């Protein structure tokens, strides 16, 4: 093979590799985003815990709910 043929082969190989890696990266990002969305949906769909009869525990539960609501509002 001549030099221009070798250069063309190397350049096309590099371009092919770069495009392949880009496709794999985008697919992984989409999968991660979908998994995070499913986890968030599962947390939202989870039934609420029954209110505790213990006064201290009930107070702690209310504080946790309040913190969660503040995080969701941001």
PDB file of N, CA and C in Angstrom:
ATOM      1  N   UNK A   1       0.842  -1.187   0.000  1.00  0.00           N
ATOM      2  CA  UNK A   1       0.000   0.000   0.000  1.00  0.00           C
ATOM      3  C   UNK A   1       0.878   1.238   0.000  1.00  0.00           C
ATOM      4  N   UNK A   2       0.336   2.243  -0.598  1.00  0.00           N
ATOM      5  CA  UNK A   2       1.051   3.517  -0.622  1.00  0.00           C
ATOM      6  C   UNK A   2       0.696   4.317   0.623  1.00  0.00           C
ATOM      7  N   UNK A   3       1.481   5.348   0.858  1.00  0.00           N
ATOM      8  CA  UNK A   3       1.302   6.188   2.043  1.00  0.00           C
ATOM      9  C   UNK A   3      -0.090   6.817   2.114  1.00  0.00           C
ATOM     10  N   UNK A   4      -0.624   7.412   1.044  1.00  0.00           N
ATOM     11  CA  UNK A   4      -1.974   7.997   1.155  1.00  0.00           C
ATOM     12  C   UNK A   4      -3.044   6.956   1.504  1.00  0.00           C
ATOM     13  N   UNK A   5      -2.895   5.741   1.018  1.00  0.00           N
ATOM     14  CA  UNK A   5      -3.846   4.677   1.336  1.00  0.00           C
ATOM     15  C   UNK A   5      -3.797   4.303   2.811  1.00  0.00           C
ATOM     16  N   UNK A   6      -2.588   4.253   3.362  1.00  0.00           N
ATOM     17  CA  UNK A   6      -2.427   3.928   4.784  1.00  0.00           C
ATOM     18  C   UNK A   6      -3.009   5.045   5.653  1.00  0.00           C
ATOM     19  N   UNK A   7      -2.738   6.289   5.290  1.00  0.00           N
ATOM     20  CA  UNK A   7      -3.253   7.437   6.042  1.00  0.00           C
ATOM     21  C   UNK A   7      -4.782   7.433   6.013  1.00  0.00           C
ATOM     22  N   UNK A   8      -5.353   7.189   4.840  1.00  0.00           N
ATOM     23  CA  UNK A   8      -6.810   7.138   4.711  1.00  0.00           C
ATOM     24  C   UNK A   8      -7.394   6.015   5.567  1.00  0.00           C
ATOM     25  N   UNK A   9      -6.746   4.868   5.587  1.00  0.00           N
ATOM     26  CA  UNK A   9      -7.196   3.747   6.403  1.00  0.00           C
ATOM     27  C   UNK A   9      -7.153   4.096   7.890  1.00  0.00           C
ATOM     28  N   UNK A  10      -6.086   4.712   8.349  1.00  0.00           N
ATOM     29  CA  UNK A  10      -5.946   5.089   9.756  1.00  0.00           C
ATOM     30  C   UNK A  10      -6.988   6.138  10.135  1.00  0.00           C
ATOM     31  N   UNK A  11      -7.170   7.154   9.292  1.00  0.00           N
ATOM     32  CA  UNK A  11      -8.136   8.210   9.578  1.00  0.00           C
ATOM     33  C   UNK A  11      -9.553   7.640   9.634  1.00  0.00           C
ATOM     34  N   UNK A  12      -9.891   6.781   8.691  1.00  0.00           N
ATOM     35  CA  UNK A  12     -11.238   6.204   8.701  1.00  0.00           C
ATOM     36  C   UNK A  12     -11.434   5.308   9.926  1.00  0.00           C
ATOM     37  N   UNK A  13     -10.397   4.608  10.348  1.00  0.00           N
ATOM     38  CA  UNK A  13     -10.480   3.787  11.557  1.00  0.00           C
ATOM     39  C   UNK A  13     -10.698   4.621  12.802  1.00  0.00           C
ATOM     40  N   UNK A  14      -9.979   5.742  12.897  1.00  0.00           N
ATOM     41  CA  UNK A  14     -10.131   6.636  14.048  1.00  0.00           C
ATOM     42  C   UNK A  14     -11.534   7.229  14.082  1.00  0.00           C
ATOM     43  N   UNK A  15     -12.026   7.655  12.948  1.00  0.00           N
ATOM     44  CA  UNK A  15     -13.375   8.239  12.875  1.00  0.00           C
ATOM     45  C   UNK A  15     -14.415   7.190  13.265  1.00  0.00           C
ATOM     46  N   UNK A  16     -14.259   5.995  12.759  1.00  0.00           N
ATOM     47  CA  UNK A  16     -15.192   4.914  13.078  1.00  0.00           C
ATOM     48  C   UNK A  16     -15.189   4.612  14.573  1.00  0.00           C
ATOM     49  N   UNK A  17     -14.012   4.551  15.173  1.00  0.00           N
ATOM     50  CA  UNK A  17     -13.897   4.281  16.605  1.00  0.00           C
ATOM     51  C   UNK A  17     -14.551   5.393  17.414  1.00  0.00           C
ATOM     52  N   UNK A  18     -14.293   6.649  17.029  1.00  0.00           N
ATOM     53  CA  UNK A  18     -14.853   7.797  17.757  1.00  0.00           C
ATOM     54  C   UNK A  18     -16.375   7.806  17.681  1.00  0.00           C
ATOM     55  N   UNK A  19     -16.924   7.539  16.524  1.00  0.00           N
ATOM     56  CA  UNK A  19     -18.389   7.516  16.369  1.00  0.00           C
ATOM     57  C   UNK A  19     -18.983   6.373  17.191  1.00  0.00           C
ATOM     58  N   UNK A  20     -18.340   5.228  17.187  1.00  0.00           N
ATOM     59  CA  UNK A  20     -18.815   4.093  17.982  1.00  0.00           C
ATOM     60  C   UNK A  20     -18.823   4.406  19.460  1.00  0.00           C
ATOM     61  N   UNK A  21     -17.763   5.018  19.957  1.00  0.00           N
ATOM     62  CA  UNK A  21     -17.696   5.387  21.375  1.00  0.00           C
ATOM     63  C   UNK A  21     -18.769   6.423  21.717  1.00  0.00           C
ATOM     64  N   UNK A  22     -19.001   7.354  20.810  1.00  0.00           N
ATOM     65  CA  UNK A  22     -20.029   8.375  21.031  1.00  0.00           C
ATOM     66  C   UNK A  22     -21.407   7.734  21.145  1.00  0.00           C
ATOM     67  N   UNK A  23     -21.694   6.792  20.287  1.00  0.00           N
ATOM     68  CA  UNK A  23     -22.995   6.106  20.317  1.00  0.00           C
ATOM     69  C   UNK A  23     -23.150   5.332  21.623  1.00  0.00           C
ATOM     70  N   UNK A  24     -22.117   4.628  22.048  1.00  0.00           N
ATOM     71  CA  UNK A  24     -22.179   3.858  23.290  1.00  0.00           C
ATOM     72  C   UNK A  24     -22.365   4.786  24.481  1.00  0.00           C
ATOM     73  N   UNK A  25     -21.669   5.913  24.487  1.00  0.00           N
ATOM     74  CA  UNK A  25     -21.779   6.872  25.604  1.00  0.00           C
ATOM     75  C   UNK A  25     -23.188   7.451  25.677  1.00  0.00           C
ATOM     76  N   UNK A  26     -23.750   7.838  24.536  1.00  0.00           N
ATOM     77  CA  UNK A  26     -25.100   8.396  24.525  1.00  0.00           C
ATOM     78  C   UNK A  26     -26.120   7.359  24.999  1.00  0.00           C
ATOM     79  N   UNK A  27     -25.936   6.113  24.597  1.00  0.00           N
ATOM     80  CA  UNK A  27     -26.850   5.046  25.023  1.00  0.00           C
ATOM     81  C   UNK A  27     -26.774   4.847  26.535  1.00  0.00           C
ATOM     82  N   UNK A  28     -25.548   4.875  27.095  1.00  0.00           N
ATOM     83  CA  UNK A  28     -25.387   4.718  28.541  1.00  0.00           C
ATOM     84  C   UNK A  28     -26.012   5.883  29.296  1.00  0.00           C
ATOM     85  N   UNK A  29     -25.865   7.084  28.786  1.00  0.00           N
ATOM     86  CA  UNK A  29     -26.464   8.253  29.433  1.00  0.00           C
ATOM     87  C   UNK A  29     -27.982   8.121  29.434  1.00  0.00           C
ATOM     88  N   UNK A  30     -28.538   7.673  28.310  1.00  0.00           N
ATOM     89  CA  UNK A  30     -29.990   7.501  28.221  1.00  0.00           C
ATOM     90  C   UNK A  30     -30.463   6.434  29.205  1.00  0.00           C
ATOM     91  N   UNK A  31     -29.710   5.338  29.331  1.00  0.00           N
ATOM     92  CA  UNK A  31     -30.072   4.270  30.267  1.00  0.00           C
ATOM     93  C   UNK A  31     -30.030   4.765  31.715  1.00  0.00           C
ATOM     94  N   UNK A  32     -28.986   5.532  32.056  1.00  0.00           N
ATOM     95  CA  UNK A  32     -28.871   6.060  33.418  1.00  0.00           C
ATOM     96  C   UNK A  32     -30.012   7.016  33.723  1.00  0.00           C
ATOM     97  N   UNK A  33     -30.341   7.860  32.774  1.00  0.00           N
ATOM     98  CA  UNK A  33     -31.425   8.821  32.962  1.00  0.00           C
ATOM     99  C   UNK A  33     -32.759   8.085  33.166  1.00  0.00           C
ATOM    100  N   UNK A  34     -32.971   7.043  32.372  1.00  0.00           N
ATOM    101  CA  UNK A  34     -34.211   6.272  32.487  1.00  0.00           C
ATOM    102  C   UNK A  34     -34.271   5.542  33.824  1.00  0.00           C
ATOM    103  N   UNK A  35     -33.151   4.975  34.276  1.00  0.00           N
ATOM    104  CA  UNK A  35     -33.112   4.273  35.557  1.00  0.00           C
ATOM    105  C   UNK A  35     -33.384   5.236  36.711  1.00  0.00           C
ATOM    106  N   UNK A  36     -32.803   6.429  36.661  1.00  0.00           N
ATOM    107  CA  UNK A  36     -33.033   7.422  37.710  1.00  0.00           C
ATOM    108  C   UNK A  36     -34.498   7.850  37.724  1.00  0.00           C
ATOM    109  N   UNK A  37     -35.080   7.995  36.543  1.00  0.00           N
ATOM    110  CA  UNK A  37     -36.486   8.379  36.448  1.00  0.00           C
ATOM    111  C   UNK A  37     -37.391   7.278  37.026  1.00  0.00           C
ATOM    112  N   UNK A  38     -37.064   6.015  36.758  1.00  0.00           N
ATOM    113  CA  UNK A  38     -37.849   4.907  37.288  1.00  0.00           C
ATOM    114  C   UNK A  38     -37.738   4.831  38.809  1.00  0.00           C
ATOM    115  N   UNK A  39     -36.536   5.081  39.343  1.00  0.00           N
ATOM    116  CA  UNK A  39     -36.358   5.072  40.793  1.00  0.00           C
ATOM    117  C   UNK A  39     -37.153   6.190  41.442  1.00  0.00           C
ATOM    118  N   UNK A  40     -37.120   7.371  40.828  1.00  0.00           N
ATOM    119  CA  UNK A  40     -37.873   8.499  41.372  1.00  0.00           C
ATOM    120  C   UNK A  40     -39.369   8.198  41.333  1.00  0.00           C
ATOM    121  N   UNK A  41     -39.834   7.594  40.253  1.00  0.00           N
ATOM    122  CA  UNK A  41     -41.252   7.256  40.139  1.00  0.00           C
ATOM    123  C   UNK A  41     -41.633   6.210  41.189  1.00  0.00           C
ATOM    124  N   UNK A  42     -40.753   5.251  41.436  1.00  0.00           N
ATOM    125  CA  UNK A  42     -41.025   4.224  42.439  1.00  0.00           C
ATOM    126  C   UNK A  42     -41.118   4.857  43.831  1.00  0.00           C
ATOM    127  N   UNK A  43     -40.249   5.840  44.103  1.00  0.00           N
ATOM    128  CA  UNK A  43     -40.311   6.531  45.402  1.00  0.00           C
ATOM    129  C   UNK A  43     -41.606   7.321  45.538  1.00  0.00           C
ATOM    130  N   UNK A  44     -42.054   7.951  44.441  1.00  0.00           N
ATOM    131  CA  UNK A  44     -43.292   8.728  44.497  1.00  0.00           C
ATOM    132  C   UNK A  44     -44.509   7.827  44.662  1.00  0.00           C
ATOM    133  N   UNK A  45     -44.477   6.644  44.054  1.00  0.00           N
ATOM    134  CA  UNK A  45     -45.612   5.734  44.098  1.00  0.00           C
ATOM    135  C   UNK A  45     -45.689   4.922  45.391  1.00  0.00           C
ATOM    136  N   UNK A  46     -44.620   4.964  46.175  1.00  0.00           N
ATOM    137  CA  UNK A  46     -44.568   4.192  47.415  1.00  0.00           C
ATOM    138  C   UNK A  46     -45.636   4.707  48.381  1.00  0.00           C
ATOM    139  N   UNK A  47     -46.383   3.807  49.027  1.00  0.00           N
ATOM    140  CA  UNK A  47     -47.417   4.268  49.957  1.00  0.00           C
ATOM    141  C   UNK A  47     -46.797   4.951  51.173  1.00  0.00           C
ATOM    142  N   UNK A  48     -47.516   5.905  51.720  1.00  0.00           N
ATOM    143  CA  UNK A  48     -47.029   6.647  52.887  1.00  0.00           C
ATOM    144  C   UNK A  48     -47.004   5.728  54.102  1.00  0.00           C
ATOM    145  N   UNK A  49     -46.025   5.970  54.968  1.00  0.00           N
ATOM    146  CA  UNK A  49     -45.933   5.192  56.195  1.00  0.00           C
ATOM    147  C   UNK A  49     -47.070   5.601  57.129  1.00  0.00           C
ATOM    148  N   UNK A  50     -47.606   4.651  57.876  1.00  0.00           N
ATOM    149  CA  UNK A  50     -48.646   5.022  58.831  1.00  0.00           C
ATOM    150  C   UNK A  50     -48.046   5.897  59.934  1.00  0.00           C
ATOM    151  N   UNK A  51     -48.857   6.799  60.431  1.00  0.00           N
ATOM    152  CA  UNK A  51     -48.376   7.705  61.465  1.00  0.00           C
ATOM    153  C   UNK A  51     -48.090   6.909  62.737  1.00  0.00           C
ATOM    154  N   UNK A  52     -46.946   7.180  63.343  1.00  0.00           N
ATOM    155  CA  UNK A  52     -46.532   6.445  64.534  1.00  0.00           C
ATOM    156  C   UNK A  52     -47.362   6.862  65.742  1.00  0.00           C
ATOM    157  N   UNK A  53     -47.523   5.939  66.676  1.00  0.00           N
ATOM    158  CA  UNK A  53     -48.248   6.244  67.908  1.00  0.00           C
ATOM    159  C   UNK A  53     -47.320   6.867  68.936  1.00  0.00           C
ATOM    160  N   UNK A  54     -46.028   6.592  68.811  1.00  0.00           N
ATOM    161  CA  UNK A  54     -45.034   7.172  69.701  1.00  0.00           C
ATOM    162  C   UNK A  54     -44.847   8.643  69.334  1.00  0.00           C
ATOM    163  N   UNK A  55     -44.957   9.536  70.309  1.00  0.00           N
ATOM    164  CA  UNK A  55     -44.921  10.977  70.055  1.00  0.00           C
ATOM    165  C   UNK A  55     -43.574  11.414  69.456  1.00  0.00           C
ATOM    166  N   UNK A  56     -42.458  10.912  69.984  1.00  0.00           N
ATOM    167  CA  UNK A  56     -41.133  11.298  69.494  1.00  0.00           C
ATOM    168  C   UNK A  56     -40.929  10.793  68.064  1.00  0.00           C
ATOM    169  N   UNK A  57     -41.365   9.569  67.802  1.00  0.00           N
ATOM    170  CA  UNK A  57     -41.210   9.004  66.459  1.00  0.00           C
ATOM    171  C   UNK A  57     -42.084   9.753  65.460  1.00  0.00           C
ATOM    172  N   UNK A  58     -43.312  10.100  65.860  1.00  0.00           N
ATOM    173  CA  UNK A  58     -44.202  10.848  64.990  1.00  0.00           C
ATOM    174  C   UNK A  58     -43.603  12.212  64.642  1.00  0.00           C
ATOM    175  N   UNK A  59     -42.981  12.851  65.620  1.00  0.00           N
ATOM    176  CA  UNK A  59     -42.335  14.153  65.389  1.00  0.00           C
ATOM    177  C   UNK A  59     -41.191  13.992  64.378  1.00  0.00           C
ATOM    178  N   UNK A  60     -40.410  12.925  64.524  1.00  0.00           N
ATOM    179  CA  UNK A  60     -39.304  12.661  63.604  1.00  0.00           C
ATOM    180  C   UNK A  60     -39.828  12.404  62.197  1.00  0.00           C
ATOM    181  N   UNK A  61     -40.921  11.655  62.085  1.00  0.00           N
ATOM    182  CA  UNK A  61     -41.516  11.390  60.777  1.00  0.00           C
ATOM    183  C   UNK A  61     -41.962  12.689  60.107  1.00  0.00           C
ATOM    184  N   UNK A  62     -42.592  13.556  60.880  1.00  0.00           N
ATOM    185  CA  UNK A  62     -43.046  14.832  60.318  1.00  0.00           C
ATOM    186  C   UNK A  62     -41.871  15.682  59.851  1.00  0.00           C
ATOM    187  N   UNK A  63     -40.765  15.659  60.608  1.00  0.00           N
ATOM    188  CA  UNK A  63     -39.568  16.403  60.200  1.00  0.00           C
ATOM    189  C   UNK A  63     -39.010  15.838  58.893  1.00  0.00           C
ATOM    190  N   UNK A  64     -38.990  14.508  58.764  1.00  0.00           N
ATOM    191  CA  UNK A  64     -38.485  13.888  57.533  1.00  0.00           C
ATOM    192  C   UNK A  64     -39.367  14.245  56.348  1.00  0.00           C
ATOM    193  N   UNK A  65     -40.660  14.236  56.550  1.00  0.00           N
ATOM    194  CA  UNK A  65     -41.583  14.604  55.474  1.00  0.00           C
ATOM    195  C   UNK A  65     -41.366  16.055  55.073  1.00  0.00           C
ATOM    196  N   UNK A  66     -41.171  16.912  56.060  1.00  0.00           N
ATOM    197  CA  UNK A  66     -40.950  18.334  55.792  1.00  0.00           C
ATOM    198  C   UNK A  66     -39.645  18.538  54.995  1.00  0.00           C
ATOM    199  N   UNK A  67     -38.585  17.825  55.385  1.00  0.00           N
ATOM    200  CA  UNK A  67     -37.305  17.919  54.661  1.00  0.00           C
ATOM    201  C   UNK A  67     -37.464  17.430  53.220  1.00  0.00           C
ATOM    202  N   UNK A  68     -38.190  16.332  53.048  1.00  0.00           N
ATOM    203  CA  UNK A  68     -38.397  15.789  51.701  1.00  0.00           C
ATOM    204  C   UNK A  68     -39.177  16.774  50.839  1.00  0.00           C
ATOM    205  N   UNK A  69     -40.158  17.419  51.427  1.00  0.00           N
ATOM    206  CA  UNK A  69     -40.954  18.405  50.673  1.00  0.00           C
ATOM    207  C   UNK A  69     -40.107  19.609  50.280  1.00  0.00           C
ATOM    208  N   UNK A  70     -39.194  20.005  51.155  1.00  0.00           N
ATOM    209  CA  UNK A  70     -38.319  21.133  50.836  1.00  0.00           C
ATOM    210  C   UNK A  70     -37.381  20.775  49.690  1.00  0.00           C
ATOM    211  N   UNK A  71     -36.853  19.547  49.693  1.00  0.00           N
ATOM    212  CA  UNK A  71     -35.944  19.120  48.624  1.00  0.00           C
ATOM    213  C   UNK A  71     -36.684  19.051  47.303  1.00  0.00           C
ATOM    214  N   UNK A  72     -37.930  18.568  47.324  1.00  0.00           N
ATOM    215  CA  UNK A  72     -38.724  18.450  46.090  1.00  0.00           C
ATOM    216  C   UNK A  72     -39.104  19.814  45.549  1.00  0.00           C
ATOM    217  N   UNK A  73     -39.253  20.799  46.431  1.00  0.00           N
ATOM    218  CA  UNK A  73     -39.643  22.130  45.996  1.00  0.00           C
ATOM    219  C   UNK A  73     -38.501  22.837  45.275  1.00  0.00           C
ATOM    220  N   UNK A  74     -37.267  22.458  45.567  1.00  0.00           N
ATOM    221  CA  UNK A  74     -36.123  23.144  44.939  1.00  0.00           C
ATOM    222  C   UNK A  74     -35.866  22.687  43.584  1.00  0.00           C
TER     223      UNK A  74
END
